PDB file of N, CA and C in Angstrom:
ATOM      1  N   GLY A   1       0.781  -1.181   0.025  1.00  0.00           N
ATOM      2  CA  GLY A   1       0.047  -0.006  -0.077  1.00  0.00           C
ATOM      3  C   GLY A   1       0.869   1.309  -0.049  1.00  0.00           C
ATOM      4  N   SER A   2       0.229   2.389  -0.030  1.00  0.00           N
ATOM      5  CA  SER A   2       0.899   3.717  -0.051  1.00  0.00           C
ATOM      6  C   SER A   2       1.612   3.924   1.290  1.00  0.00           C
ATOM      7  N   LEU A   3       2.517   4.863   1.309  1.00  0.00           N
ATOM      8  CA  LEU A   3       3.246   5.233   2.526  1.00  0.00           C
ATOM      9  C   LEU A   3       2.108   5.739   3.502  1.00  0.00           C
ATOM     10  N   GLU A   4       1.185   6.562   3.013  1.00  0.00           N
ATOM     11  CA  GLU A   4       0.154   7.059   3.839  1.00  0.00           C
ATOM     12  C   GLU A   4      -0.674   6.058   4.438  1.00  0.00           C
ATOM     13  N   ASN A   5      -1.019   5.027   3.787  1.00  0.00           N
ATOM     14  CA  ASN A   5      -1.842   3.975   4.318  1.00  0.00           C
ATOM     15  C   ASN A   5      -1.072   3.132   5.392  1.00  0.00           C
ATOM     16  N   ARG A   6       0.190   2.991   5.052  1.00  0.00           N
ATOM     17  CA  ARG A   6       1.159   2.217   6.027  1.00  0.00           C
ATOM     18  C   ARG A   6       1.325   2.842   7.288  1.00  0.00           C
ATOM     19  N   MET A   7       1.267   4.243   7.287  1.00  0.00           N
ATOM     20  CA  MET A   7       1.408   5.041   8.486  1.00  0.00           C
ATOM     21  C   MET A   7       0.096   5.205   9.295  1.00  0.00           C
ATOM     22  N   ARG A   8      -1.091   4.954   8.549  1.00  0.00           N
ATOM     23  CA  ARG A   8      -2.273   5.450   9.163  1.00  0.00           C
ATOM     24  C   ARG A   8      -2.566   4.841  10.521  1.00  0.00           C
ATOM     25  N   LEU A   9      -2.432   3.370  10.693  1.00  0.00           N
ATOM     26  CA  LEU A   9      -2.706   2.855  11.909  1.00  0.00           C
ATOM     27  C   LEU A   9      -1.699   3.118  13.103  1.00  0.00           C
ATOM     28  N   PRO A  10      -0.420   3.047  12.792  1.00  0.00           N
ATOM     29  CA  PRO A  10       0.384   3.503  13.869  1.00  0.00           C
ATOM     30  C   PRO A  10       0.227   4.934  14.410  1.00  0.00           C
ATOM     31  N   LEU A  11      -0.033   5.803  13.457  1.00  0.00           N
ATOM     32  CA  LEU A  11      -0.308   7.259  13.840  1.00  0.00           C
ATOM     33  C   LEU A  11      -1.587   7.310  14.537  1.00  0.00           C
ATOM     34  N   ARG A  12      -2.569   6.668  14.102  1.00  0.00           N
ATOM     35  CA  ARG A  12      -3.798   6.623  14.815  1.00  0.00           C
ATOM     36  C   ARG A  12      -3.709   6.129  16.427  1.00  0.00           C
ATOM     37  N   ILE A  13      -2.928   5.141  16.521  1.00  0.00           N
ATOM     38  CA  ILE A  13      -2.574   4.616  17.829  1.00  0.00           C
ATOM     39  C   ILE A  13      -1.852   5.665  18.658  1.00  0.00           C
ATOM     40  N   PHE A  14      -0.756   6.196  17.983  1.00  0.00           N
ATOM     41  CA  PHE A  14      -0.002   7.267  18.761  1.00  0.00           C
ATOM     42  C   PHE A  14      -0.798   8.405  19.197  1.00  0.00           C
ATOM     43  N   ARG A  15      -1.633   8.877  18.236  1.00  0.00           N
ATOM     44  CA  ARG A  15      -2.458   9.958  18.684  1.00  0.00           C
ATOM     45  C   ARG A  15      -3.403   9.668  19.733  1.00  0.00           C
ATOM     46  N   GLU A  16      -4.046   8.599  19.707  1.00  0.00           N
ATOM     47  CA  GLU A  16      -4.979   8.163  20.781  1.00  0.00           C
ATOM     48  C   GLU A  16      -4.148   8.108  22.190  1.00  0.00           C
ATOM     49  N   LEU A  17      -2.967   7.471  22.099  1.00  0.00           N
ATOM     50  CA  LEU A  17      -2.187   7.426  23.329  1.00  0.00           C
ATOM     51  C   LEU A  17      -1.734   8.902  23.801  1.00  0.00           C
ATOM     52  N   ARG A  18      -1.372   9.758  22.954  1.00  0.00           N
ATOM     53  CA  ARG A  18      -0.985  11.100  23.185  1.00  0.00           C
ATOM     54  C   ARG A  18      -2.129  11.810  23.759  1.00  0.00           C
ATOM     55  N   ASP A  19      -3.370  11.651  23.301  1.00  0.00           N
ATOM     56  CA  ASP A  19      -4.585  12.352  23.729  1.00  0.00           C
ATOM     57  C   ASP A  19      -4.975  11.894  25.202  1.00  0.00           C
ATOM     58  N   ARG A  20      -4.572  10.707  25.519  1.00  0.00           N
ATOM     59  CA  ARG A  20      -5.031  10.057  26.872  1.00  0.00           C
ATOM     60  C   ARG A  20      -4.032  10.223  28.013  1.00  0.00           C
ATOM     61  N   LEU A  21      -2.732  10.600  27.612  1.00  0.00           N
ATOM     62  CA  LEU A  21      -1.790  10.709  28.645  1.00  0.00           C
ATOM     63  C   LEU A  21      -1.373  12.218  28.834  1.00  0.00           C
ATOM     64  N   PRO A  22      -0.933  12.555  29.986  1.00  0.00           N
ATOM     65  CA  PRO A  22      -0.578  13.962  30.375  1.00  0.00           C
ATOM     66  C   PRO A  22       0.451  14.537  29.391  1.00  0.00           C
ATOM     67  N   GLU A  23       0.326  15.763  29.031  1.00  0.00           N
ATOM     68  CA  GLU A  23       1.359  16.420  28.159  1.00  0.00           C
ATOM     69  C   GLU A  23       2.745  16.409  28.748  1.00  0.00           C
ATOM     70  N   ARG A  24       2.916  16.420  30.051  1.00  0.00           N
ATOM     71  CA  ARG A  24       4.164  16.404  30.820  1.00  0.00           C
ATOM     72  C   ARG A  24       4.919  15.083  30.664  1.00  0.00           C
ATOM     73  N   LEU A  25       4.074  14.048  30.232  1.00  0.00           N
ATOM     74  CA  LEU A  25       4.666  12.709  30.009  1.00  0.00           C
ATOM     75  C   LEU A  25       5.276  12.575  28.443  1.00  0.00           C
ATOM     76  N   PRO A  26       6.632  12.582  28.352  1.00  0.00           N
ATOM     77  CA  PRO A  26       7.063  12.418  26.942  1.00  0.00           C
ATOM     78  C   PRO A  26       6.869  10.956  26.562  1.00  0.00           C
ATOM     79  N   ILE A  27       6.434  10.903  25.234  1.00  0.00           N
ATOM     80  CA  ILE A  27       6.097   9.620  24.505  1.00  0.00           C
ATOM     81  C   ILE A  27       7.084   9.386  23.299  1.00  0.00           C
ATOM     82  N   GLY A  28       7.822   8.381  23.234  1.00  0.00           N
ATOM     83  CA  GLY A  28       8.680   8.109  22.114  1.00  0.00           C
ATOM     84  C   GLY A  28       8.135   6.903  21.401  1.00  0.00           C
ATOM     85  N   VAL A  29       8.637   6.753  20.138  1.00  0.00           N
ATOM     86  CA  VAL A  29       8.302   5.616  19.332  1.00  0.00           C
ATOM     87  C   VAL A  29       9.465   4.993  18.753  1.00  0.00           C
ATOM     88  N   ARG A  30       9.584   3.682  18.814  1.00  0.00           N
ATOM     89  CA  ARG A  30      10.550   2.897  18.299  1.00  0.00           C
ATOM     90  C   ARG A  30      10.045   2.454  16.814  1.00  0.00           C
ATOM     91  N   ILE A  31      11.050   2.776  15.806  1.00  0.00           N
ATOM     92  CA  ILE A  31      10.643   2.490  14.511  1.00  0.00           C
ATOM     93  C   ILE A  31      11.841   1.603  13.908  1.00  0.00           C
ATOM     94  N   SER A  32      11.445   0.886  12.798  1.00  0.00           N
ATOM     95  CA  SER A  32      12.528   0.267  12.079  1.00  0.00           C
ATOM     96  C   SER A  32      12.843   1.121  10.885  1.00  0.00           C
ATOM     97  N   ALA A  33      14.026   1.623  10.818  1.00  0.00           N
ATOM     98  CA  ALA A  33      14.487   2.514   9.772  1.00  0.00           C
ATOM     99  C   ALA A  33      14.636   1.881   8.460  1.00  0.00           C
ATOM    100  N   SER A  34      14.915   0.621   8.419  1.00  0.00           N
ATOM    101  CA  SER A  34      14.973  -0.184   7.227  1.00  0.00           C
ATOM    102  C   SER A  34      14.683  -1.586   7.516  1.00  0.00           C
ATOM    103  N   ASP A  35      14.100  -2.152   6.503  1.00  0.00           N
ATOM    104  CA  ASP A  35      13.969  -3.715   6.602  1.00  0.00           C
ATOM    105  C   ASP A  35      14.993  -4.479   5.889  1.00  0.00           C
ATOM    106  N   TRP A  36      15.901  -3.685   5.215  1.00  0.00           N
ATOM    107  CA  TRP A  36      17.108  -4.359   4.471  1.00  0.00           C
ATOM    108  C   TRP A  36      16.706  -5.192   3.472  1.00  0.00           C
ATOM    109  N   ILE A  37      15.640  -5.002   2.812  1.00  0.00           N
ATOM    110  CA  ILE A  37      15.185  -5.696   1.574  1.00  0.00           C
ATOM    111  C   ILE A  37      15.055  -4.724   0.444  1.00  0.00           C
ATOM    112  N   GLU A  38      15.627  -5.104  -0.726  1.00  0.00           N
ATOM    113  CA  GLU A  38      15.437  -4.178  -1.816  1.00  0.00           C
ATOM    114  C   GLU A  38      14.083  -3.847  -2.149  1.00  0.00           C
ATOM    115  N   ASP A  39      13.765  -2.607  -2.399  1.00  0.00           N
ATOM    116  CA  ASP A  39      12.318  -2.013  -2.647  1.00  0.00           C
ATOM    117  C   ASP A  39      11.425  -2.203  -1.333  1.00  0.00           C
ATOM    118  N   GLY A  40      11.985  -2.434  -0.134  1.00  0.00           N
ATOM    119  CA  GLY A  40      11.300  -2.551   1.053  1.00  0.00           C
ATOM    120  C   GLY A  40      11.212  -1.285   1.736  1.00  0.00           C
ATOM    121  N   TRP A  41      10.887  -1.275   3.033  1.00  0.00           N
ATOM    122  CA  TRP A  41      10.726  -0.154   3.881  1.00  0.00           C
ATOM    123  C   TRP A  41      12.203   0.509   4.031  1.00  0.00           C
ATOM    124  N   ASN A  42      12.286   1.848   3.799  1.00  0.00           N
ATOM    125  CA  ASN A  42      13.654   2.493   3.789  1.00  0.00           C
ATOM    126  C   ASN A  42      13.806   3.772   4.604  1.00  0.00           C
ATOM    127  N   LEU A  43      14.912   4.293   4.723  1.00  0.00           N
ATOM    128  CA  LEU A  43      15.192   5.328   5.558  1.00  0.00           C
ATOM    129  C   LEU A  43      14.328   6.616   5.169  1.00  0.00           C
ATOM    130  N   GLU A  44      14.181   6.880   3.812  1.00  0.00           N
ATOM    131  CA  GLU A  44      13.290   7.965   3.430  1.00  0.00           C
ATOM    132  C   GLU A  44      11.896   7.846   4.014  1.00  0.00           C
ATOM    133  N   GLU A  45      11.257   6.740   3.853  1.00  0.00           N
ATOM    134  CA  GLU A  45      10.056   6.533   4.494  1.00  0.00           C
ATOM    135  C   GLU A  45      10.049   6.609   5.949  1.00  0.00           C
ATOM    136  N   SER A  46      11.035   6.148   6.550  1.00  0.00           N
ATOM    137  CA  SER A  46      11.136   6.350   8.042  1.00  0.00           C
ATOM    138  C   SER A  46      11.264   7.810   8.492  1.00  0.00           C
ATOM    139  N   THR A  47      11.875   8.461   7.756  1.00  0.00           N
ATOM    140  CA  THR A  47      12.089   9.921   7.996  1.00  0.00           C
ATOM    141  C   THR A  47      10.715  10.636   7.858  1.00  0.00           C
ATOM    142  N   LEU A  48       9.929  10.305   6.926  1.00  0.00           N
ATOM    143  CA  LEU A  48       8.597  10.940   6.746  1.00  0.00           C
ATOM    144  C   LEU A  48       7.761  10.427   7.876  1.00  0.00           C
ATOM    145  N   PHE A  49       7.774   9.179   8.288  1.00  0.00           N
ATOM    146  CA  PHE A  49       7.019   8.549   9.412  1.00  0.00           C
ATOM    147  C   PHE A  49       7.421   9.413  10.592  1.00  0.00           C
ATOM    148  N   ALA A  50       8.764   9.499  10.857  1.00  0.00           N
ATOM    149  CA  ALA A  50       9.275  10.170  12.196  1.00  0.00           C
ATOM    150  C   ALA A  50       8.697  11.628  12.060  1.00  0.00           C
ATOM    151  N   SER A  51       8.682  12.278  11.063  1.00  0.00           N
ATOM    152  CA  SER A  51       8.095  13.737  10.854  1.00  0.00           C
ATOM    153  C   SER A  51       6.581  13.759  11.160  1.00  0.00           C
ATOM    154  N   ALA A  52       5.870  12.785  10.762  1.00  0.00           N
ATOM    155  CA  ALA A  52       4.467  12.600  11.133  1.00  0.00           C
ATOM    156  C   ALA A  52       4.265  12.372  12.602  1.00  0.00           C
ATOM    157  N   LEU A  53       5.154  11.538  13.236  1.00  0.00           N
ATOM    158  CA  LEU A  53       5.036  11.269  14.551  1.00  0.00           C
ATOM    159  C   LEU A  53       5.371  12.504  15.360  1.00  0.00           C
ATOM    160  N   LYS A  54       6.349  13.256  14.877  1.00  0.00           N
ATOM    161  CA  LYS A  54       6.693  14.531  15.568  1.00  0.00           C
ATOM    162  C   LYS A  54       5.453  15.514  15.586  1.00  0.00           C
ATOM    163  N   ASP A  55       4.878  15.714  14.445  1.00  0.00           N
ATOM    164  CA  ASP A  55       3.699  16.434  14.262  1.00  0.00           C
ATOM    165  C   ASP A  55       2.591  16.007  15.257  1.00  0.00           C
ATOM    166  N   ALA A  56       2.568  14.709  15.491  1.00  0.00           N
ATOM    167  CA  ALA A  56       1.543  14.222  16.349  1.00  0.00           C
ATOM    168  C   ALA A  56       1.836  14.203  17.770  1.00  0.00           C
ATOM    169  N   GLY A  57       3.098  14.814  18.119  1.00  0.00           N
ATOM    170  CA  GLY A  57       3.436  15.021  19.483  1.00  0.00           C
ATOM    171  C   GLY A  57       4.489  14.041  20.071  1.00  0.00           C
ATOM    172  N   ALA A  58       5.189  13.173  19.302  1.00  0.00           N
ATOM    173  CA  ALA A  58       6.206  12.320  19.779  1.00  0.00           C
ATOM    174  C   ALA A  58       7.340  13.122  20.248  1.00  0.00           C
ATOM    175  N   ALA A  59       7.922  12.713  21.285  1.00  0.00           N
ATOM    176  CA  ALA A  59       9.116  13.426  21.996  1.00  0.00           C
ATOM    177  C   ALA A  59      10.481  12.990  21.371  1.00  0.00           C
ATOM    178  N   TYR A  60      10.558  11.626  20.990  1.00  0.00           N
ATOM    179  CA  TYR A  60      11.758  11.167  20.390  1.00  0.00           C
ATOM    180  C   TYR A  60      11.468   9.951  19.540  1.00  0.00           C
ATOM    181  N   ILE A  61      12.500   9.481  18.818  1.00  0.00           N
ATOM    182  CA  ILE A  61      12.384   8.253  17.978  1.00  0.00           C
ATOM    183  C   ILE A  61      13.537   7.303  18.372  1.00  0.00           C
ATOM    184  N   HIS A  62      13.307   6.091  18.638  1.00  0.00           N
ATOM    185  CA  HIS A  62      14.085   5.162  19.035  1.00  0.00           C
ATOM    186  C   HIS A  62      14.251   4.211  17.667  1.00  0.00           C
ATOM    187  N   VAL A  63      15.455   4.297  17.088  1.00  0.00           N
ATOM    188  CA  VAL A  63      15.660   3.696  15.730  1.00  0.00           C
ATOM    189  C   VAL A  63      16.343   2.325  15.875  1.00  0.00           C
ATOM    190  N   SER A  64      15.663   1.399  15.179  1.00  0.00           N
ATOM    191  CA  SER A  64      16.105   0.065  15.004  1.00  0.00           C
ATOM    192  C   SER A  64      16.183  -0.165  13.508  1.00  0.00           C
ATOM    193  N   SER A  65      16.331  -1.442  13.102  1.00  0.00           N
ATOM    194  CA  SER A  65      16.121  -1.854  11.669  1.00  0.00           C
ATOM    195  C   SER A  65      16.094  -3.367  11.663  1.00  0.00           C
ATOM    196  N   GLY A  66      15.584  -3.824  10.483  1.00  0.00           N
ATOM    197  CA  GLY A  66      15.556  -5.286  10.262  1.00  0.00           C
ATOM    198  C   GLY A  66      14.071  -5.690  10.234  1.00  0.00           C
ATOM    199  N   GLY A  67      13.873  -7.006  10.271  1.00  0.00           N
ATOM    200  CA  GLY A  67      12.552  -7.565  10.110  1.00  0.00           C
ATOM    201  C   GLY A  67      12.661  -9.072  10.043  1.00  0.00           C
ATOM    202  N   LEU A  68      11.806  -9.831   9.516  1.00  0.00           N
ATOM    203  CA  LEU A  68      11.909 -11.268   9.479  1.00  0.00           C
ATOM    204  C   LEU A  68      12.055 -12.003   8.132  1.00  0.00           C
ATOM    205  N   SER A  69      12.477 -11.283   7.230  1.00  0.00           N
ATOM    206  CA  SER A  69      12.707 -11.867   5.936  1.00  0.00           C
ATOM    207  C   SER A  69      14.090 -12.561   5.720  1.00  0.00           C
ATOM    208  N   PRO A  70      14.074 -13.756   5.113  1.00  0.00           N
ATOM    209  CA  PRO A  70      15.356 -14.294   4.799  1.00  0.00           C
ATOM    210  C   PRO A  70      16.225 -13.562   3.716  1.00  0.00           C
ATOM    211  N   LEU A  71      15.456 -12.605   3.081  1.00  0.00           N
ATOM    212  CA  LEU A  71      16.110 -11.821   2.020  1.00  0.00           C
ATOM    213  C   LEU A  71      16.976 -10.701   2.625  1.00  0.00           C
ATOM    214  N   GLN A  72      16.964 -10.413   3.917  1.00  0.00           N
ATOM    215  CA  GLN A  72      17.696  -9.387   4.504  1.00  0.00           C
ATOM    216  C   GLN A  72      19.195  -9.454   4.333  1.00  0.00           C
ATOM    217  N   LYS A  73      19.861  -8.324   4.085  1.00  0.00           N
ATOM    218  CA  LYS A  73      21.232  -8.394   3.930  1.00  0.00           C
ATOM    219  C   LYS A  73      21.741  -7.168   4.905  1.00  0.00           C
ATOM    220  N   ILE A  74      21.882  -7.626   6.183  1.00  0.00           N
ATOM    221  CA  ILE A  74      22.214  -6.675   7.290  1.00  0.00           C
ATOM    222  C   ILE A  74      23.763  -6.647   7.582  1.00  0.00           C
ATOM    223  N   PRO A  75      24.382  -5.488   7.489  1.00  0.00           N
ATOM    224  CA  PRO A  75      25.742  -5.461   7.784  1.00  0.00           C
ATOM    225  C   PRO A  75      26.029  -5.349   9.361  1.00  0.00           C
ATOM    226  N   LEU A  76      26.096  -6.379   9.934  1.00  0.00           N
ATOM    227  CA  LEU A  76      26.192  -6.514  11.406  1.00  0.00           C
ATOM    228  C   LEU A  76      27.618  -6.205  11.838  1.00  0.00           C
ATOM    229  N   GLU A  77      27.691  -4.830  12.219  1.00  0.00           N
ATOM    230  CA  GLU A  77      29.000  -4.231  12.787  1.00  0.00           C
ATOM    231  C   GLU A  77      28.672  -3.265  13.789  1.00  0.00           C
ATOM    232  N   SER A  78      29.487  -3.070  14.592  1.00  0.00           N
ATOM    233  CA  SER A  78      29.274  -2.001  15.776  1.00  0.00           C
ATOM    234  C   SER A  78      28.691  -0.759  15.170  1.00  0.00           C
ATOM    235  N   GLY A  79      27.603  -0.351  15.775  1.00  0.00           N
ATOM    236  CA  GLY A  79      27.089   0.939  15.388  1.00  0.00           C
ATOM    237  C   GLY A  79      26.420   1.019  14.137  1.00  0.00           C
ATOM    238  N   TYR A  80      26.167  -0.025  13.497  1.00  0.00           N
ATOM    239  CA  TYR A  80      25.532   0.020  12.168  1.00  0.00           C
ATOM    240  C   TYR A  80      24.135   0.712  12.085  1.00  0.00           C
ATOM    241  N   GLN A  81      23.486   0.927  13.268  1.00  0.00           N
ATOM    242  CA  GLN A  81      22.214   1.521  13.104  1.00  0.00           C
ATOM    243  C   GLN A  81      22.304   2.936  13.370  1.00  0.00           C
ATOM    244  N   VAL A  82      23.500   3.565  13.935  1.00  0.00           N
ATOM    245  CA  VAL A  82      23.785   4.948  14.310  1.00  0.00           C
ATOM    246  C   VAL A  82      23.390   5.942  13.091  1.00  0.00           C
ATOM    247  N   PRO A  83      23.903   5.550  11.866  1.00  0.00           N
ATOM    248  CA  PRO A  83      23.637   6.458  10.728  1.00  0.00           C
ATOM    249  C   PRO A  83      22.092   6.712  10.551  1.00  0.00           C
ATOM    250  N   PHE A  84      21.327   5.569  10.730  1.00  0.00           N
ATOM    251  CA  PHE A  84      19.796   5.818  10.591  1.00  0.00           C
ATOM    252  C   PHE A  84      19.280   6.834  11.695  1.00  0.00           C
ATOM    253  N   ALA A  85      19.695   6.809  12.780  1.00  0.00           N
ATOM    254  CA  ALA A  85      19.329   7.698  13.866  1.00  0.00           C
ATOM    255  C   ALA A  85      19.830   8.975  13.667  1.00  0.00           C
ATOM    256  N   GLU A  86      20.931   9.166  13.278  1.00  0.00           N
ATOM    257  CA  GLU A  86      21.525  10.456  12.782  1.00  0.00           C
ATOM    258  C   GLU A  86      20.810  11.193  11.672  1.00  0.00           C
ATOM    259  N   ALA A  87      20.502  10.472  10.651  1.00  0.00           N
ATOM    260  CA  ALA A  87      19.696  10.978   9.606  1.00  0.00           C
ATOM    261  C   ALA A  87      18.328  11.432   9.979  1.00  0.00           C
ATOM    262  N   ILE A  88      17.572  10.635  10.818  1.00  0.00           N
ATOM    263  CA  ILE A  88      16.338  11.009  11.169  1.00  0.00           C
ATOM    264  C   ILE A  88      16.364  12.192  12.116  1.00  0.00           C
ATOM    265  N   ARG A  89      17.329  12.333  13.005  1.00  0.00           N
ATOM    266  CA  ARG A  89      17.529  13.494  13.848  1.00  0.00           C
ATOM    267  C   ARG A  89      17.843  14.707  13.022  1.00  0.00           C
ATOM    268  N   LYS A  90      18.583  14.615  12.002  1.00  0.00           N
ATOM    269  CA  LYS A  90      18.865  15.668  11.142  1.00  0.00           C
ATOM    270  C   LYS A  90      17.697  16.220  10.397  1.00  0.00           C
ATOM    271  N   ALA A  91      17.002  15.329   9.909  1.00  0.00           N
ATOM    272  CA  ALA A  91      15.873  15.586   9.086  1.00  0.00           C
ATOM    273  C   ALA A  91      14.670  16.204   9.868  1.00  0.00           C
ATOM    274  N   THR A  92      14.495  15.678  11.135  1.00  0.00           N
ATOM    275  CA  THR A  92      13.305  16.085  11.816  1.00  0.00           C
ATOM    276  C   THR A  92      13.574  16.990  13.028  1.00  0.00           C
ATOM    277  N   GLY A  93      14.844  17.100  13.458  1.00  0.00           N
ATOM    278  CA  GLY A  93      15.209  17.884  14.713  1.00  0.00           C
ATOM    279  C   GLY A  93      14.749  17.190  15.915  1.00  0.00           C
ATOM    280  N   MET A  94      14.396  15.970  15.912  1.00  0.00           N
ATOM    281  CA  MET A  94      13.901  15.244  17.018  1.00  0.00           C
ATOM    282  C   MET A  94      15.143  14.552  17.728  1.00  0.00           C
ATOM    283  N   PRO A  95      15.109  14.309  18.935  1.00  0.00           N
ATOM    284  CA  PRO A  95      16.126  13.482  19.688  1.00  0.00           C
ATOM    285  C   PRO A  95      15.857  12.121  19.163  1.00  0.00           C
ATOM    286  N   THR A  96      16.894  11.345  19.007  1.00  0.00           N
ATOM    287  CA  THR A  96      16.887  10.004  18.529  1.00  0.00           C
ATOM    288  C   THR A  96      17.714   9.020  19.484  1.00  0.00           C
ATOM    289  N   ILE A  97      17.447   7.772  19.447  1.00  0.00           N
ATOM    290  CA  ILE A  97      18.153   6.790  20.111  1.00  0.00           C
ATOM    291  C   ILE A  97      18.480   5.709  19.062  1.00  0.00           C
ATOM    292  N   ALA A  98      19.736   5.204  19.033  1.00  0.00           N
ATOM    293  CA  ALA A  98      19.979   4.052  18.104  1.00  0.00           C
ATOM    294  C   ALA A  98      20.073   2.813  18.850  1.00  0.00           C
ATOM    295  N   VAL A  99      19.590   1.791  18.282  1.00  0.00           N
ATOM    296  CA  VAL A  99      19.621   0.476  18.959  1.00  0.00           C
ATOM    297  C   VAL A  99      21.079  -0.170  18.655  1.00  0.00           C
ATOM    298  N   GLY A 100      21.588  -0.822  19.619  1.00  0.00           N
ATOM    299  CA  GLY A 100      22.817  -1.510  19.401  1.00  0.00           C
ATOM    300  C   GLY A 100      24.052  -0.578  19.787  1.00  0.00           C
TER     301      GLY A 100
END
């Protein structure tokens, strides 16, 4: 489906949560920046998703990557997810956390 449709449910859930909790309580979201599959979920889409989460009131983004496909080609090395968090932070101005 379209990016808008793929973001619809998680954004709806986040907005509902944000509406029910006090503003003083920061809420972050953990996202997968890439599924490491050609033509799959990617950093550009993750950045747009993070921006939408920011607009909805997210305080930070916790960045991971990967998924469940045997087609994944993940470069498992120290700090390999840090560039994803840096790119999302630079694009959105949000605080980020990198997994690993």
